[in-house]
C-alpha atoms as a PDB file:
ATOM      1  CA  MET A   1     -92.137  62.863-108.551  1.00  0.00           C
ATOM      2  CA  ASP A   2     -88.688  63.018-110.146  1.00  0.00           C
ATOM      3  CA  ASN A   3     -85.145  63.474-109.647  1.00  0.00           C
ATOM      4  CA  ARG A   4     -84.881  66.377-112.281  1.00  0.00           C
ATOM      5  CA  PRO A   5     -87.526  69.160-112.621  1.00  0.00           C
ATOM      6  CA  GLN A   6     -90.482  68.636-114.795  1.00  0.00           C
ATOM      7  CA  LEU A   7     -91.689  72.318-115.706  1.00  0.00           C
ATOM      8  CA  HIS A   8     -94.790  71.212-117.773  1.00  0.00           C
ATOM      9  CA  TYR A   9     -96.287  68.524-115.181  1.00  0.00           C
ATOM     10  CA  PRO A  10     -99.784  70.144-114.481  1.00  0.00           C
ATOM     11  CA  PHE A  11    -100.612  68.197-111.308  1.00  0.00           C
ATOM     12  CA  GLU A  12     -98.778  68.514-107.983  1.00  0.00           C
ATOM     13  CA  PHE A  13     -95.011  67.854-108.210  1.00  0.00           C
ATOM     14  CA  HIS A  14     -92.185  66.811-105.955  1.00  0.00           C
ATOM     15  CA  GLN A  15     -88.578  66.845-106.920  1.00  0.00           C
ATOM     16  CA  ALA A  16     -86.601  64.427-104.957  1.00  0.00           C
ATOM     17  CA  ASP A  17     -85.160  60.926-105.271  1.00  0.00           C
ATOM     18  CA  ALA A  18     -88.173  58.518-105.740  1.00  0.00           C
ATOM     19  CA  LEU A  19     -86.740  55.754-103.676  1.00  0.00           C
ATOM     20  CA  GLU A  20     -85.365  57.882-100.746  1.00  0.00           C
ATOM     21  CA  PHE A  21     -89.128  59.922-101.009  1.00  0.00           C
ATOM     22  CA  CYS A  22     -91.031  56.616-100.952  1.00  0.00           C
ATOM     23  CA  ALA A  23     -88.986  55.020 -98.136  1.00  0.00           C
ATOM     24  CA  GLN A  24     -89.450  57.976 -95.866  1.00  0.00           C
ATOM     25  CA  HIS A  25     -93.120  59.040 -97.010  1.00  0.00           C
ATOM     26  CA  GLY A  26     -94.707  55.808 -98.637  1.00  0.00           C
ATOM     27  CA  GLN A  27     -97.102  55.335 -95.749  1.00  0.00           C
ATOM     28  CA  GLU A  28     -98.557  58.330 -96.640  1.00  0.00           C
ATOM     29  CA  PHE A  29    -100.148  56.912-100.015  1.00  0.00           C
ATOM     30  CA  ASP A  30    -102.916  54.212-100.894  1.00  0.00           C
ATOM     31  CA  VAL A  31    -101.007  53.133-104.025  1.00  0.00           C
ATOM     32  CA  ILE A  32     -97.528  53.889-105.372  1.00  0.00           C
ATOM     33  CA  HIS A  33     -97.096  53.879-109.511  1.00  0.00           C
ATOM     34  CA  ALA A  34     -93.186  53.968-110.091  1.00  0.00           C
ATOM     35  CA  SER A  35     -91.340  54.088-113.646  1.00  0.00           C
ATOM     36  CA  PRO A  36     -87.894  53.352-113.346  1.00  0.00           C
ATOM     37  CA  PRO A  37     -85.410  54.376-115.425  1.00  0.00           C
ATOM     38  CA  CYS A  38     -85.400  52.037-118.638  1.00  0.00           C
ATOM     39  CA  GLN A  39     -82.540  52.707-120.293  1.00  0.00           C
ATOM     40  CA  ARG A  40     -80.595  49.415-119.738  1.00  0.00           C
ATOM     41  CA  PHE A  41     -83.736  47.568-121.409  1.00  0.00           C
ATOM     42  CA  THR A  42     -84.693  49.494-124.583  1.00  0.00           C
ATOM     43  CA  ARG A  43     -84.164  48.401-127.537  1.00  0.00           C
ATOM     44  CA  ILE A  44     -81.569  50.335-128.534  1.00  0.00           C
ATOM     45  CA  ALA A  45     -79.256  49.244-125.784  1.00  0.00           C
ATOM     46  CA  SER A  46     -79.588  45.744-127.237  1.00  0.00           C
ATOM     47  CA  LEU A  47     -78.442  47.273-130.592  1.00  0.00           C
ATOM     48  CA  GLY A  48     -75.832  49.324-129.122  1.00  0.00           C
ATOM     49  CA  ARG A  49     -74.363  46.393-127.289  1.00  0.00           C
ATOM     50  CA  ALA A  50     -74.713  44.172-130.678  1.00  0.00           C
ATOM     51  CA  ARG A  51     -72.833  47.115-131.949  1.00  0.00           C
ATOM     52  CA  ASN A  52     -69.551  46.766-130.206  1.00  0.00           C
ATOM     53  CA  ARG A  53     -70.886  47.831-126.990  1.00  0.00           C
ATOM     54  CA  THR A  54     -71.486  51.579-128.300  1.00  0.00           C
ATOM     55  CA  TYR A  55     -74.168  51.978-125.709  1.00  0.00           C
ATOM     56  CA  PRO A  56     -73.181  52.832-121.958  1.00  0.00           C
ATOM     57  CA  GLU A  57     -74.372  50.757-119.444  1.00  0.00           C
ATOM     58  CA  HIS A  58     -77.102  51.892-117.344  1.00  0.00           C
ATOM     59  CA  LYS A  59     -78.388  50.454-113.600  1.00  0.00           C
ATOM     60  CA  ASP A  60     -81.419  47.993-113.508  1.00  0.00           C
ATOM     61  CA  TRP A  61     -83.751  49.948-110.934  1.00  0.00           C
ATOM     62  CA  ILE A  62     -86.501  47.422-111.046  1.00  0.00           C
ATOM     63  CA  ALA A  63     -85.424  45.141-108.222  1.00  0.00           C
ATOM     64  CA  SER A  64     -84.481  47.984-105.606  1.00  0.00           C
ATOM     65  CA  THR A  65     -87.993  50.019-106.875  1.00  0.00           C
ATOM     66  CA  ARG A  66     -89.921  46.841-106.271  1.00  0.00           C
ATOM     67  CA  ASN A  67     -87.929  45.953-103.080  1.00  0.00           C
ATOM     68  CA  VAL A  68     -88.859  49.613-101.429  1.00  0.00           C
ATOM     69  CA  LEU A  69     -92.727  49.151-102.585  1.00  0.00           C
ATOM     70  CA  VAL A  70     -92.938  45.735-101.206  1.00  0.00           C
ATOM     71  CA  TYR A  71     -91.447  46.916 -97.987  1.00  0.00           C
ATOM     72  CA  LEU A  72     -94.098  49.734 -97.824  1.00  0.00           C
ATOM     73  CA  GLY A  73     -97.052  47.225 -97.958  1.00  0.00           C
ATOM     74  CA  ARG A  74     -98.790  49.508-100.612  1.00  0.00           C
ATOM     75  CA  HIS A  75    -100.359  48.730-103.432  1.00  0.00           C
ATOM     76  CA  TYR A  76     -98.082  49.455-106.366  1.00  0.00           C
ATOM     77  CA  ILE A  77     -97.515  49.608-110.061  1.00  0.00           C
ATOM     78  CA  ILE A  78     -94.093  49.383-111.735  1.00  0.00           C
ATOM     79  CA  GLU A  79     -94.149  50.382-115.277  1.00  0.00           C
ATOM     80  CA  ASN A  80     -91.200  50.033-117.844  1.00  0.00           C
ATOM     81  CA  VAL A  81     -89.981  49.018-121.592  1.00  0.00           C
ATOM     82  CA  MET A  82     -90.959  45.449-122.927  1.00  0.00           C
ATOM     83  CA  GLY A  83     -87.834  43.327-122.112  1.00  0.00           C
ATOM     84  CA  ALA A  84     -87.555  44.850-118.442  1.00  0.00           C
ATOM     85  CA  PRO A  85     -87.675  41.904-115.878  1.00  0.00           C
ATOM     86  CA  LEU A  86     -90.880  42.608-114.489  1.00  0.00           C
ATOM     87  CA  ASN A  87     -93.209  40.173-112.817  1.00  0.00           C
ATOM     88  CA  ASN A  88     -96.438  38.774-114.234  1.00  0.00           C
ATOM     89  CA  PRO A  89     -96.994  42.205-116.264  1.00  0.00           C
ATOM     90  CA  ILE A  90     -99.871  43.050-118.311  1.00  0.00           C
ATOM     91  CA  VAL A  91     -98.756  44.699-121.724  1.00  0.00           C
ATOM     92  CA  LEU A  92    -100.522  48.067-122.489  1.00  0.00           C
ATOM     93  CA  CYS A  93    -100.769  49.159-126.029  1.00  0.00           C
ATOM     94  CA  GLY A  94    -102.184  52.744-127.291  1.00  0.00           C
ATOM     95  CA  ALA A  95    -103.835  51.110-129.941  1.00  0.00           C
ATOM     96  CA  SER A  96    -106.013  49.615-127.685  1.00  0.00           C
ATOM     97  CA  PHE A  97    -107.278  53.231-126.108  1.00  0.00           C
ATOM     98  CA  GLY A  98    -107.856  54.213-129.522  1.00  0.00           C
ATOM     99  CA  LEU A  99    -104.304  56.418-129.626  1.00  0.00           C
ATOM    100  CA  HIS A 100    -101.837  56.899-132.901  1.00  0.00           C
ATOM    101  CA  VAL A 101     -99.148  55.495-130.894  1.00  0.00           C
ATOM    102  CA  TYR A 102     -98.238  51.959-129.806  1.00  0.00           C
ATOM    103  CA  ARG A 103     -95.816  52.440-127.299  1.00  0.00           C
ATOM    104  CA  HIS A 104     -95.804  48.806-125.505  1.00  0.00           C
ATOM    105  CA  ARG A 105     -95.057  48.842-122.080  1.00  0.00           C
ATOM    106  CA  GLN A 106     -95.053  46.333-118.872  1.00  0.00           C
ATOM    107  CA  PHE A 107     -97.334  46.667-115.604  1.00  0.00           C
ATOM    108  CA  GLU A 108     -96.479  44.706-113.060  1.00  0.00           C
ATOM    109  CA  SER A 109     -99.014  45.254-109.820  1.00  0.00           C
ATOM    110  CA  SER A 110     -99.595  43.911-106.311  1.00  0.00           C
ATOM    111  CA  ILE A 111    -103.068  43.487-107.674  1.00  0.00           C
ATOM    112  CA  LEU A 112    -104.619  41.319-110.351  1.00  0.00           C
ATOM    113  CA  LEU A 113    -104.850  43.599-113.747  1.00  0.00           C
ATOM    114  CA  PRO A 114    -107.020  42.365-116.476  1.00  0.00           C
ATOM    115  CA  GLN A 115    -105.066  42.010-119.893  1.00  0.00           C
ATOM    116  CA  LEU A 116    -106.790  44.147-122.381  1.00  0.00           C
ATOM    117  CA  LYS A 117    -107.455  42.680-125.876  1.00  0.00           C
ATOM    118  CA  HIS A 118    -104.167  43.595-128.334  1.00  0.00           C
ATOM    119  CA  VAL A 119    -105.478  45.470-131.573  1.00  0.00           C
ATOM    120  CA  SER A 120    -103.593  44.389-134.759  1.00  0.00           C
ATOM    121  CA  HIS A 121    -100.613  46.550-136.098  1.00  0.00           C
ATOM    122  CA  ASN A 122    -101.242  45.711-139.785  1.00  0.00           C
ATOM    123  CA  ASP A 123    -100.704  49.318-140.751  1.00  0.00           C
ATOM    124  CA  ARG A 124     -96.490  49.241-141.255  1.00  0.00           C
ATOM    125  CA  THR A 125     -96.003  52.002-139.195  1.00  0.00           C
ATOM    126  CA  PRO A 126     -92.687  53.458-140.088  1.00  0.00           C
ATOM    127  CA  SER A 127     -89.408  53.619-137.639  1.00  0.00           C
ATOM    128  CA  ALA A 128     -88.832  56.791-135.469  1.00  0.00           C
ATOM    129  CA  GLY A 129     -87.994  59.811-137.844  1.00  0.00           C
ATOM    130  CA  ASN A 130     -89.716  58.479-140.934  1.00  0.00           C
ATOM    131  CA  GLY A 131     -93.374  59.649-140.722  1.00  0.00           C
ATOM    132  CA  LYS A 132     -96.690  58.267-140.229  1.00  0.00           C
ATOM    133  CA  SER A 133     -98.470  54.999-141.119  1.00  0.00           C
ATOM    134  CA  PRO A 134    -101.027  54.515-143.548  1.00  0.00           C
ATOM    135  CA  LYS A 135    -103.456  55.015-140.540  1.00  0.00           C
ATOM    136  CA  GLY A 136    -101.603  57.512-138.973  1.00  0.00           C
ATOM    137  CA  PHE A 137     -99.488  55.916-136.329  1.00  0.00           C
ATOM    138  CA  ILE A 138     -96.471  57.255-135.483  1.00  0.00           C
ATOM    139  CA  SER A 139     -92.966  56.064-133.211  1.00  0.00           C
ATOM    140  CA  VAL A 140     -92.749  58.693-130.715  1.00  0.00           C
ATOM    141  CA  CYS A 141     -89.379  58.725-129.591  1.00  0.00           C
ATOM    142  CA  GLY A 142     -86.010  60.499-129.804  1.00  0.00           C
ATOM    143  CA  SER A 143     -85.384  64.108-130.832  1.00  0.00           C
ATOM    144  CA  GLY A 144     -84.176  63.868-134.496  1.00  0.00           C
ATOM    145  CA  GLY A 145     -86.764  64.985-136.981  1.00  0.00           C
ATOM    146  CA  VAL A 146     -89.602  63.474-138.433  1.00  0.00           C
ATOM    147  CA  ARG A 147     -89.827  62.872-141.952  1.00  0.00           C
ATOM    148  CA  GLY A 148     -91.928  65.355-143.598  1.00  0.00           C
ATOM    149  CA  MET A 149     -92.904  67.310-140.688  1.00  0.00           C
ATOM    150  CA  THR A 150     -91.780  70.700-138.871  1.00  0.00           C
ATOM    151  CA  SER A 151     -90.650  70.723-135.282  1.00  0.00           C
ATOM    152  CA  ILE A 152     -93.799  71.936-134.393  1.00  0.00           C
ATOM    153  CA  GLN A 153     -96.323  69.770-136.454  1.00  0.00           C
ATOM    154  CA  ILE A 154     -93.963  66.967-135.045  1.00  0.00           C
ATOM    155  CA  LEU A 155     -94.743  68.731-131.088  1.00  0.00           C
ATOM    156  CA  GLU A 156     -98.914  68.520-132.447  1.00  0.00           C
ATOM    157  CA  TYR A 157     -98.870  65.130-133.757  1.00  0.00           C
ATOM    158  CA  TRP A 158     -96.559  63.579-131.164  1.00  0.00           C
ATOM    159  CA  SER A 159     -99.292  65.252-128.568  1.00  0.00           C
ATOM    160  CA  PHE A 160    -102.401  63.898-130.547  1.00  0.00           C
ATOM    161  CA  ALA A 161    -100.968  60.216-130.764  1.00  0.00           C
ATOM    162  CA  MET A 162     -99.948  60.008-127.141  1.00  0.00           C
ATOM    163  CA  GLY A 163    -102.915  61.897-126.369  1.00  0.00           C
ATOM    164  CA  ILE A 164    -100.893  64.555-123.738  1.00  0.00           C
ATOM    165  CA  ASN A 165    -101.166  68.165-124.067  1.00  0.00           C
ATOM    166  CA  TRP A 166     -98.857  69.764-121.733  1.00  0.00           C
ATOM    167  CA  MET A 167     -95.214  68.300-122.403  1.00  0.00           C
ATOM    168  CA  SER A 168     -92.171  69.425-124.595  1.00  0.00           C
ATOM    169  CA  ARG A 169     -91.437  67.241-127.136  1.00  0.00           C
ATOM    170  CA  ASP A 170     -88.189  65.804-125.313  1.00  0.00           C
ATOM    171  CA  GLU A 171     -91.115  64.795-122.289  1.00  0.00           C
ATOM    172  CA  LEU A 172     -93.203  63.475-124.863  1.00  0.00           C
ATOM    173  CA  ALA A 173     -90.234  60.858-125.958  1.00  0.00           C
ATOM    174  CA  GLN A 174     -89.980  59.697-122.602  1.00  0.00           C
ATOM    175  CA  ALA A 175     -93.647  59.344-121.229  1.00  0.00           C
ATOM    176  CA  ILE A 176     -96.512  56.747-121.047  1.00  0.00           C
ATOM    177  CA  PRO A 177    -100.070  57.472-122.162  1.00  0.00           C
ATOM    178  CA  PRO A 178    -102.125  58.793-119.288  1.00  0.00           C
ATOM    179  CA  ALA A 179    -105.175  56.596-120.668  1.00  0.00           C
ATOM    180  CA  TYR A 180    -102.512  53.699-119.313  1.00  0.00           C
ATOM    181  CA  THR A 181    -102.534  55.263-116.161  1.00  0.00           C
ATOM    182  CA  GLU A 182    -106.305  56.318-116.108  1.00  0.00           C
ATOM    183  CA  PHE A 183    -107.007  52.136-116.998  1.00  0.00           C
ATOM    184  CA  ILE A 184    -104.790  51.013-114.643  1.00  0.00           C
ATOM    185  CA  GLY A 185    -105.935  53.646-111.594  1.00  0.00           C
ATOM    186  CA  LYS A 186    -109.561  52.464-111.873  1.00  0.00           C
ATOM    187  CA  GLN A 187    -108.720  48.895-111.280  1.00  0.00           C
ATOM    188  CA  LEU A 188    -106.642  50.002-108.309  1.00  0.00           C
ATOM    189  CA  ILE A 189    -109.743  52.285-107.167  1.00  0.00           C
ATOM    190  CA  VAL A 190    -111.939  49.345-106.564  1.00  0.00           C
ATOM    191  CA  ALA A 191    -108.946  46.870-105.143  1.00  0.00           C
ATOM    192  CA  ILE A 192    -108.690  50.136-102.423  1.00  0.00           C
ATOM    193  CA  GLN A 193    -112.548  49.634-102.108  1.00  0.00           C
ATOM    194  CA  GLU A 194    -112.618  46.234-102.030  1.00  0.00           C
ATOM    195  CA  ALA A 195    -109.954  45.900 -98.953  1.00  0.00           C
END
């Protein structure tokens, strides 16, 4: 679900305001996985504010998302970037799943989630747009070029690095790897079966 069309999404999709939809239809689901907009908490927002407030202000959607999910009384996950104000989150990293992107993300949950072992990052992954690391890791973000790669190569490598083969480049820049959701989904299935 998103408030904008997701033309390449290969599963059932609903275009709607997520909080309104959940408030109206949330009781129909066993689990709700929410990814509120993260721009307020990104590293680029911090850099922009440090540089004469050149980054626009964005609303914090975490609390309102949590309030709706807690009110519904369903199992839930809230995903967001590092630095977002989540309650007792675990952190997942692509390297823990054999991916070629680090993409650290926090996950708050209504159930206790196990924290995976964090794989060392000793390979000097270049910043966005500056190519791949010696171990083949890449920063997946933004819409600019990547040194040494054509536009087609960027899309292909980002798809490989993230484990996603159905998204456009702009969609990949905003995505979380499906491996994260699969890992968490398995924990939630157990919680639901044991309830």
